[in-house]
Amino acid sequence: MSHTNTATSVYELIMKIAATPSKNEKLALVKTGMQLPLFKRAVTAAYDPFKTYGVIKLPEVTSGPYAMGTLDEEHAWRVIDQLATRELSGDDARTAIAEQLDKLDPASAELFKRIILKDMRAGFTEGTINKAAPKTIPEFPYMRCSLPAKSSI
């Protein structure tokens, strides 16, 4: 399968990563994906801890499978950015999300949902992304704490 920088091919790559049980194979596929600007943009938007979208439950999609919009176009990304900056929130956010889901083709709509819900559901994390392309996603170090009585201060 050749990977191109389209929403459909990015979605197919995400699904291929999800179906791959081996961590090393997942890493290799993520490395391949990071060469595609749209894949990189999507996983960065989904896994960046400094970007939140204020959405827990997505509205229902009412369009049929014939919607033609894709994540290759900027209008969906504008909504994602407005959610991140809280320019859109509450009912306005729900309306904008529903409109985008109705406009997007099935692959783009699924990617859009996964970005907003901050989980690509493909069995990889920001750690895998950073192994494939260092310093793409900010990570916080794990810090273990001890009670004062047990520490050697």
N, C-alpha and C. Protein backbone atom coordinates (compact mmCIF):
# COMPACT_ATOMS: atom_id res chain seq x y z
N MET A 1 0.85 -1.18 0.00
CA MET A 1 0.00 0.00 0.00
C MET A 1 0.89 1.23 0.00
N SER A 2 0.70 2.12 -0.95
CA SER A 2 1.49 3.35 -0.93
C SER A 2 0.73 4.37 -0.08
N HIS A 3 1.48 5.09 0.70
CA HIS A 3 0.86 6.06 1.59
C HIS A 3 1.00 7.44 0.98
N THR A 4 -0.13 8.10 0.79
CA THR A 4 -0.13 9.45 0.28
C THR A 4 -0.69 10.37 1.37
N ASN A 5 -0.50 11.64 1.16
CA ASN A 5 -0.90 12.63 2.15
C ASN A 5 -2.37 13.01 1.96
N THR A 6 -3.28 12.03 2.08
CA THR A 6 -4.71 12.31 2.02
C THR A 6 -5.34 11.77 3.30
N ALA A 7 -6.50 12.30 3.62
CA ALA A 7 -7.18 11.86 4.85
C ALA A 7 -7.50 10.36 4.80
N THR A 8 -7.89 9.87 3.64
CA THR A 8 -8.23 8.45 3.52
C THR A 8 -7.00 7.58 3.76
N SER A 9 -5.87 7.94 3.16
CA SER A 9 -4.66 7.12 3.36
C SER A 9 -4.14 7.23 4.79
N VAL A 10 -4.30 8.40 5.42
CA VAL A 10 -3.90 8.56 6.82
C VAL A 10 -4.79 7.69 7.71
N TYR A 11 -6.08 7.68 7.44
CA TYR A 11 -7.00 6.85 8.22
C TYR A 11 -6.66 5.37 8.03
N GLU A 12 -6.38 4.96 6.80
CA GLU A 12 -6.01 3.57 6.53
C GLU A 12 -4.73 3.19 7.27
N LEU A 13 -3.77 4.12 7.33
CA LEU A 13 -2.52 3.86 8.05
C LEU A 13 -2.79 3.72 9.55
N ILE A 14 -3.65 4.57 10.09
CA ILE A 14 -4.02 4.48 11.51
C ILE A 14 -4.66 3.11 11.79
N MET A 15 -5.54 2.67 10.90
CA MET A 15 -6.19 1.38 11.08
C MET A 15 -5.18 0.23 10.96
N LYS A 16 -4.21 0.38 10.07
CA LYS A 16 -3.17 -0.65 9.92
C LYS A 16 -2.32 -0.71 11.19
N ILE A 17 -2.01 0.45 11.76
CA ILE A 17 -1.25 0.49 13.02
C ILE A 17 -2.06 -0.17 14.12
N ALA A 18 -3.35 0.11 14.17
CA ALA A 18 -4.22 -0.47 15.20
C ALA A 18 -4.27 -2.00 15.08
N ALA A 19 -4.20 -2.52 13.86
CA ALA A 19 -4.30 -3.96 13.64
C ALA A 19 -2.96 -4.69 13.83
N THR A 20 -1.89 -3.93 14.03
CA THR A 20 -0.57 -4.52 14.16
C THR A 20 -0.26 -4.80 15.62
N PRO A 21 0.00 -6.06 15.99
CA PRO A 21 0.25 -6.37 17.39
C PRO A 21 1.67 -6.02 17.86
N SER A 22 2.64 -6.03 16.99
CA SER A 22 4.03 -5.82 17.37
C SER A 22 4.35 -4.34 17.60
N LYS A 23 4.97 -4.04 18.75
CA LYS A 23 5.36 -2.65 19.04
C LYS A 23 6.36 -2.14 18.03
N ASN A 24 7.31 -3.00 17.63
CA ASN A 24 8.32 -2.57 16.67
C ASN A 24 7.70 -2.27 15.31
N GLU A 25 6.73 -3.08 14.90
CA GLU A 25 6.05 -2.82 13.63
C GLU A 25 5.22 -1.54 13.72
N LYS A 26 4.56 -1.32 14.88
CA LYS A 26 3.80 -0.08 15.07
C LYS A 26 4.74 1.12 14.95
N LEU A 27 5.91 1.03 15.59
CA LEU A 27 6.88 2.12 15.53
C LEU A 27 7.31 2.37 14.09
N ALA A 28 7.56 1.32 13.33
CA ALA A 28 7.97 1.46 11.93
C ALA A 28 6.86 2.14 11.11
N LEU A 29 5.60 1.75 11.37
CA LEU A 29 4.48 2.37 10.65
C LEU A 29 4.30 3.83 11.06
N VAL A 30 4.49 4.13 12.35
CA VAL A 30 4.39 5.52 12.80
C VAL A 30 5.50 6.35 12.15
N LYS A 31 6.71 5.78 12.05
CA LYS A 31 7.81 6.49 11.37
C LYS A 31 7.44 6.80 9.93
N THR A 32 6.83 5.82 9.26
CA THR A 32 6.37 6.04 7.88
C THR A 32 5.33 7.15 7.86
N GLY A 33 4.39 7.09 8.78
CA GLY A 33 3.34 8.10 8.84
C GLY A 33 3.86 9.50 9.11
N MET A 34 4.89 9.61 9.93
CA MET A 34 5.42 10.93 10.29
C MET A 34 6.02 11.65 9.08
N GLN A 35 6.24 10.93 7.98
CA GLN A 35 6.72 11.56 6.75
C GLN A 35 5.59 12.30 6.03
N LEU A 36 4.36 11.98 6.39
CA LEU A 36 3.18 12.60 5.78
C LEU A 36 2.72 13.79 6.63
N PRO A 37 2.70 14.99 6.06
CA PRO A 37 2.29 16.16 6.86
C PRO A 37 0.92 16.01 7.53
N LEU A 38 -0.05 15.40 6.85
CA LEU A 38 -1.38 15.28 7.43
C LEU A 38 -1.39 14.29 8.60
N PHE A 39 -0.66 13.19 8.49
CA PHE A 39 -0.55 12.22 9.60
C PHE A 39 0.09 12.91 10.80
N LYS A 40 1.18 13.62 10.57
CA LYS A 40 1.88 14.31 11.66
C LYS A 40 0.97 15.34 12.32
N ARG A 41 0.24 16.09 11.51
CA ARG A 41 -0.67 17.11 12.04
C ARG A 41 -1.77 16.46 12.87
N ALA A 42 -2.31 15.34 12.39
CA ALA A 42 -3.41 14.67 13.09
C ALA A 42 -2.94 14.09 14.43
N VAL A 43 -1.82 13.36 14.44
CA VAL A 43 -1.39 12.76 15.71
C VAL A 43 -0.90 13.82 16.69
N THR A 44 -0.31 14.89 16.18
CA THR A 44 0.11 15.98 17.07
C THR A 44 -1.12 16.64 17.70
N ALA A 45 -2.14 16.88 16.91
CA ALA A 45 -3.37 17.48 17.44
C ALA A 45 -4.04 16.56 18.46
N ALA A 46 -3.96 15.26 18.22
CA ALA A 46 -4.61 14.30 19.12
C ALA A 46 -3.83 14.09 20.41
N TYR A 47 -2.50 14.09 20.35
CA TYR A 47 -1.71 13.69 21.52
C TYR A 47 -0.99 14.82 22.24
N ASP A 48 -1.02 16.04 21.73
CA ASP A 48 -0.37 17.16 22.41
C ASP A 48 -1.11 17.45 23.72
N PRO A 49 -0.41 17.31 24.87
CA PRO A 49 -1.11 17.51 26.16
C PRO A 49 -1.52 18.97 26.40
N PHE A 50 -0.96 19.90 25.63
CA PHE A 50 -1.31 21.31 25.82
C PHE A 50 -2.52 21.72 24.98
N LYS A 51 -3.02 20.80 24.15
CA LYS A 51 -4.22 21.09 23.36
C LYS A 51 -5.36 20.24 23.88
N THR A 52 -6.40 20.91 24.35
CA THR A 52 -7.61 20.20 24.75
C THR A 52 -8.77 20.83 24.00
N TYR A 53 -9.81 20.05 23.79
CA TYR A 53 -10.91 20.52 22.96
C TYR A 53 -12.22 20.67 23.72
N GLY A 54 -12.24 20.32 25.00
CA GLY A 54 -13.42 20.53 25.83
C GLY A 54 -14.61 19.69 25.40
N VAL A 55 -14.36 18.54 24.79
CA VAL A 55 -15.45 17.69 24.30
C VAL A 55 -15.31 16.31 24.90
N ILE A 56 -16.40 15.81 25.46
CA ILE A 56 -16.40 14.46 26.02
C ILE A 56 -17.27 13.56 25.15
N LYS A 57 -18.43 14.10 24.72
CA LYS A 57 -19.36 13.31 23.93
C LYS A 57 -19.60 14.04 22.61
N LEU A 58 -19.51 13.29 21.52
CA LEU A 58 -19.70 13.88 20.20
C LEU A 58 -21.16 13.82 19.78
N PRO A 59 -21.61 14.82 19.01
CA PRO A 59 -22.99 14.78 18.51
C PRO A 59 -23.14 13.67 17.45
N GLU A 60 -24.36 13.27 17.22
CA GLU A 60 -24.65 12.25 16.22
C GLU A 60 -24.44 12.80 14.82
N VAL A 61 -23.99 11.96 13.91
CA VAL A 61 -23.83 12.35 12.52
C VAL A 61 -25.14 12.09 11.80
N THR A 62 -25.59 13.07 11.02
CA THR A 62 -26.87 12.90 10.34
C THR A 62 -26.71 12.70 8.84
N SER A 63 -25.51 12.99 8.31
CA SER A 63 -25.33 12.85 6.87
C SER A 63 -25.16 11.39 6.49
N GLY A 64 -25.40 11.11 5.25
CA GLY A 64 -25.19 9.76 4.75
C GLY A 64 -23.71 9.55 4.43
N PRO A 65 -23.39 8.42 3.83
CA PRO A 65 -22.00 8.13 3.51
C PRO A 65 -21.50 8.89 2.28
N TYR A 66 -22.27 9.87 1.80
CA TYR A 66 -21.92 10.54 0.56
C TYR A 66 -21.31 11.93 0.77
N ALA A 67 -21.06 12.31 2.00
CA ALA A 67 -20.42 13.60 2.26
C ALA A 67 -19.05 13.59 1.60
N MET A 68 -18.63 14.74 1.09
CA MET A 68 -17.42 14.77 0.27
C MET A 68 -16.25 15.55 0.90
N GLY A 69 -16.47 16.26 1.99
CA GLY A 69 -15.39 17.03 2.60
C GLY A 69 -14.34 16.11 3.19
N THR A 70 -13.11 16.59 3.28
CA THR A 70 -12.04 15.78 3.86
C THR A 70 -11.20 16.61 4.81
N LEU A 71 -10.39 15.93 5.60
CA LEU A 71 -9.46 16.62 6.50
C LEU A 71 -8.29 17.22 5.74
N ASP A 72 -8.25 17.00 4.43
CA ASP A 72 -7.22 17.64 3.61
C ASP A 72 -7.51 19.13 3.51
N GLU A 73 -8.76 19.52 3.77
CA GLU A 73 -9.19 20.91 3.64
C GLU A 73 -9.09 21.63 4.99
N GLU A 74 -8.93 22.93 4.93
CA GLU A 74 -8.67 23.71 6.15
C GLU A 74 -9.89 23.94 7.04
N HIS A 75 -11.11 23.85 6.51
CA HIS A 75 -12.28 24.20 7.34
C HIS A 75 -12.39 23.32 8.58
N ALA A 76 -12.09 22.03 8.46
CA ALA A 76 -12.17 21.15 9.63
C ALA A 76 -11.08 21.50 10.64
N TRP A 77 -9.90 21.84 10.16
CA TRP A 77 -8.80 22.21 11.06
C TRP A 77 -9.09 23.53 11.76
N ARG A 78 -9.81 24.43 11.08
CA ARG A 78 -10.18 25.70 11.71
C ARG A 78 -11.08 25.43 12.91
N VAL A 79 -12.01 24.49 12.77
CA VAL A 79 -12.89 24.13 13.90
C VAL A 79 -12.06 23.53 15.03
N ILE A 80 -11.12 22.64 14.71
CA ILE A 80 -10.26 22.03 15.73
C ILE A 80 -9.48 23.11 16.47
N ASP A 81 -8.93 24.07 15.73
CA ASP A 81 -8.18 25.17 16.36
C ASP A 81 -9.09 26.05 17.23
N GLN A 82 -10.31 26.31 16.76
CA GLN A 82 -11.24 27.11 17.55
C GLN A 82 -11.67 26.40 18.82
N LEU A 83 -11.78 25.08 18.77
CA LEU A 83 -12.09 24.32 19.98
C LEU A 83 -10.92 24.39 20.96
N ALA A 84 -9.70 24.30 20.44
CA ALA A 84 -8.51 24.33 21.30
C ALA A 84 -8.35 25.67 22.00
N THR A 85 -8.69 26.76 21.31
CA THR A 85 -8.55 28.10 21.90
C THR A 85 -9.80 28.52 22.67
N ARG A 86 -10.81 27.66 22.68
CA ARG A 86 -12.11 27.92 23.33
C ARG A 86 -12.87 29.06 22.67
N GLU A 87 -12.50 29.38 21.43
CA GLU A 87 -13.29 30.33 20.64
C GLU A 87 -14.68 29.71 20.41
N LEU A 88 -14.70 28.39 20.33
CA LEU A 88 -15.95 27.64 20.26
C LEU A 88 -16.08 26.81 21.53
N SER A 89 -17.23 26.93 22.19
CA SER A 89 -17.48 26.10 23.37
C SER A 89 -18.98 25.94 23.53
N GLY A 90 -19.36 25.01 24.37
CA GLY A 90 -20.78 24.80 24.65
C GLY A 90 -21.57 24.41 23.42
N ASP A 91 -22.76 25.03 23.26
CA ASP A 91 -23.64 24.71 22.13
C ASP A 91 -23.01 25.07 20.79
N ASP A 92 -22.25 26.18 20.75
CA ASP A 92 -21.58 26.56 19.51
C ASP A 92 -20.59 25.47 19.07
N ALA A 93 -19.87 24.90 20.04
CA ALA A 93 -18.92 23.83 19.73
C ALA A 93 -19.66 22.60 19.22
N ARG A 94 -20.74 22.22 19.90
CA ARG A 94 -21.51 21.05 19.46
C ARG A 94 -22.05 21.25 18.05
N THR A 95 -22.55 22.44 17.76
CA THR A 95 -23.09 22.74 16.43
C THR A 95 -21.98 22.67 15.38
N ALA A 96 -20.84 23.28 15.66
CA ALA A 96 -19.73 23.28 14.70
C ALA A 96 -19.20 21.87 14.46
N ILE A 97 -19.11 21.07 15.51
CA ILE A 97 -18.64 19.68 15.37
C ILE A 97 -19.63 18.88 14.54
N ALA A 98 -20.91 19.03 14.82
CA ALA A 98 -21.95 18.31 14.07
C ALA A 98 -21.90 18.70 12.59
N GLU A 99 -21.72 20.00 12.32
CA GLU A 99 -21.64 20.46 10.93
C GLU A 99 -20.45 19.84 10.22
N GLN A 100 -19.31 19.80 10.90
CA GLN A 100 -18.11 19.21 10.28
C GLN A 100 -18.31 17.72 10.04
N LEU A 101 -18.85 17.01 11.02
CA LEU A 101 -19.07 15.58 10.85
C LEU A 101 -20.03 15.30 9.70
N ASP A 102 -21.00 16.19 9.49
CA ASP A 102 -21.94 16.02 8.38
C ASP A 102 -21.28 16.29 7.03
N LYS A 103 -20.27 17.18 7.01
CA LYS A 103 -19.60 17.55 5.76
C LYS A 103 -18.52 16.57 5.35
N LEU A 104 -17.92 15.88 6.33
CA LEU A 104 -16.73 15.06 6.05
C LEU A 104 -17.08 13.66 5.56
N ASP A 105 -16.21 13.14 4.68
CA ASP A 105 -16.38 11.75 4.25
C ASP A 105 -16.12 10.83 5.45
N PRO A 106 -16.50 9.55 5.38
CA PRO A 106 -16.40 8.67 6.56
C PRO A 106 -15.00 8.59 7.18
N ALA A 107 -13.95 8.48 6.37
CA ALA A 107 -12.59 8.38 6.90
C ALA A 107 -12.19 9.67 7.61
N SER A 108 -12.48 10.80 6.99
CA SER A 108 -12.14 12.10 7.60
C SER A 108 -12.95 12.34 8.86
N ALA A 109 -14.23 11.96 8.84
CA ALA A 109 -15.08 12.15 10.02
C ALA A 109 -14.53 11.33 11.19
N GLU A 110 -14.10 10.10 10.93
CA GLU A 110 -13.55 9.26 12.00
C GLU A 110 -12.25 9.84 12.55
N LEU A 111 -11.38 10.33 11.66
CA LEU A 111 -10.14 10.99 12.12
C LEU A 111 -10.46 12.23 12.95
N PHE A 112 -11.41 13.03 12.47
CA PHE A 112 -11.83 14.25 13.17
C PHE A 112 -12.30 13.91 14.59
N LYS A 113 -13.13 12.86 14.71
CA LYS A 113 -13.62 12.43 16.03
C LYS A 113 -12.46 12.01 16.92
N ARG A 114 -11.54 11.22 16.39
CA ARG A 114 -10.44 10.71 17.19
C ARG A 114 -9.51 11.83 17.64
N ILE A 115 -9.33 12.84 16.81
CA ILE A 115 -8.51 13.99 17.20
C ILE A 115 -9.18 14.73 18.36
N ILE A 116 -10.46 15.02 18.21
CA ILE A 116 -11.18 15.78 19.24
C ILE A 116 -11.26 15.01 20.56
N LEU A 117 -11.40 13.69 20.47
CA LEU A 117 -11.46 12.87 21.69
C LEU A 117 -10.06 12.53 22.22
N LYS A 118 -9.01 12.99 21.52
CA LYS A 118 -7.61 12.87 21.95
C LYS A 118 -7.15 11.42 22.07
N ASP A 119 -7.65 10.57 21.18
CA ASP A 119 -7.23 9.17 21.18
C ASP A 119 -7.40 8.61 19.78
N MET A 120 -6.30 8.24 19.15
CA MET A 120 -6.36 7.67 17.80
C MET A 120 -6.83 6.22 17.81
N ARG A 121 -6.94 5.62 18.99
CA ARG A 121 -7.38 4.23 19.13
C ARG A 121 -6.60 3.30 18.19
N ALA A 122 -5.27 3.45 18.22
CA ALA A 122 -4.43 2.64 17.34
C ALA A 122 -3.32 1.94 18.11
N GLY A 123 -3.35 2.02 19.44
CA GLY A 123 -2.38 1.29 20.24
C GLY A 123 -0.99 1.90 20.28
N PHE A 124 -0.90 3.21 20.05
CA PHE A 124 0.38 3.88 20.24
C PHE A 124 0.15 5.16 21.04
N THR A 125 1.22 5.66 21.62
CA THR A 125 1.14 6.83 22.50
C THR A 125 2.08 7.92 22.01
N GLU A 126 2.11 9.01 22.77
CA GLU A 126 3.05 10.09 22.44
C GLU A 126 4.49 9.59 22.52
N GLY A 127 4.75 8.60 23.37
CA GLY A 127 6.10 8.02 23.46
C GLY A 127 6.51 7.38 22.15
N THR A 128 5.59 6.67 21.51
CA THR A 128 5.87 6.05 20.21
C THR A 128 6.10 7.13 19.16
N ILE A 129 5.29 8.16 19.19
CA ILE A 129 5.43 9.26 18.23
C ILE A 129 6.80 9.91 18.39
N ASN A 130 7.22 10.13 19.64
CA ASN A 130 8.51 10.77 19.88
C ASN A 130 9.69 9.86 19.55
N LYS A 131 9.50 8.53 19.61
CA LYS A 131 10.56 7.63 19.15
C LYS A 131 10.69 7.72 17.64
N ALA A 132 9.56 7.85 16.96
CA ALA A 132 9.56 7.94 15.50
C ALA A 132 10.07 9.30 15.02
N ALA A 133 9.71 10.36 15.72
CA ALA A 133 10.12 11.72 15.36
C ALA A 133 10.37 12.48 16.66
N PRO A 134 11.62 12.49 17.15
CA PRO A 134 11.92 13.08 18.46
C PRO A 134 11.40 14.51 18.64
N LYS A 135 10.91 14.75 19.86
CA LYS A 135 10.43 16.06 20.31
C LYS A 135 9.22 16.59 19.54
N THR A 136 8.43 15.69 18.98
CA THR A 136 7.21 16.11 18.30
C THR A 136 6.14 16.49 19.32
N ILE A 137 5.99 15.67 20.36
CA ILE A 137 4.97 15.86 21.39
C ILE A 137 5.68 16.12 22.72
N PRO A 138 5.29 17.18 23.45
CA PRO A 138 5.90 17.38 24.77
C PRO A 138 5.50 16.25 25.72
N GLU A 139 6.48 15.69 26.42
CA GLU A 139 6.20 14.63 27.39
C GLU A 139 6.64 15.10 28.77
N PHE A 140 5.92 14.66 29.77
CA PHE A 140 6.27 15.00 31.13
C PHE A 140 7.00 13.82 31.76
N PRO A 141 8.10 14.07 32.44
CA PRO A 141 8.81 12.95 33.06
C PRO A 141 7.99 12.37 34.21
N TYR A 142 8.12 11.09 34.41
CA TYR A 142 7.47 10.43 35.53
C TYR A 142 8.27 10.76 36.77
N MET A 143 7.60 11.26 37.81
CA MET A 143 8.30 11.61 39.03
C MET A 143 7.63 10.90 40.19
N ARG A 144 8.38 10.08 40.82
CA ARG A 144 7.85 9.32 41.94
C ARG A 144 8.13 10.09 43.22
N CYS A 145 7.19 10.13 44.09
CA CYS A 145 7.34 10.88 45.34
C CYS A 145 7.40 9.93 46.53
N SER A 146 8.13 10.34 47.53
CA SER A 146 8.20 9.58 48.78
C SER A 146 7.73 10.47 49.92
N LEU A 147 7.22 9.82 50.94
CA LEU A 147 6.84 10.59 52.13
C LEU A 147 8.11 11.07 52.81
N PRO A 148 8.07 12.21 53.52
CA PRO A 148 9.28 12.74 54.15
C PRO A 148 10.01 11.73 55.05
N ALA A 149 9.26 10.90 55.77
CA ALA A 149 9.88 9.94 56.68
C ALA A 149 10.71 8.90 55.93
N LYS A 150 10.35 8.60 54.68
CA LYS A 150 11.05 7.57 53.92
C LYS A 150 12.07 8.14 52.95
N SER A 151 12.14 9.46 52.81
CA SER A 151 13.09 10.03 51.88
C SER A 151 14.43 10.29 52.57
N SER A 152 15.45 10.40 51.76
CA SER A 152 16.77 10.65 52.33
C SER A 152 17.21 12.09 52.07
N ILE A 153 16.38 13.01 52.54
CA ILE A 153 16.70 14.43 52.34
C ILE A 153 17.75 14.87 53.32
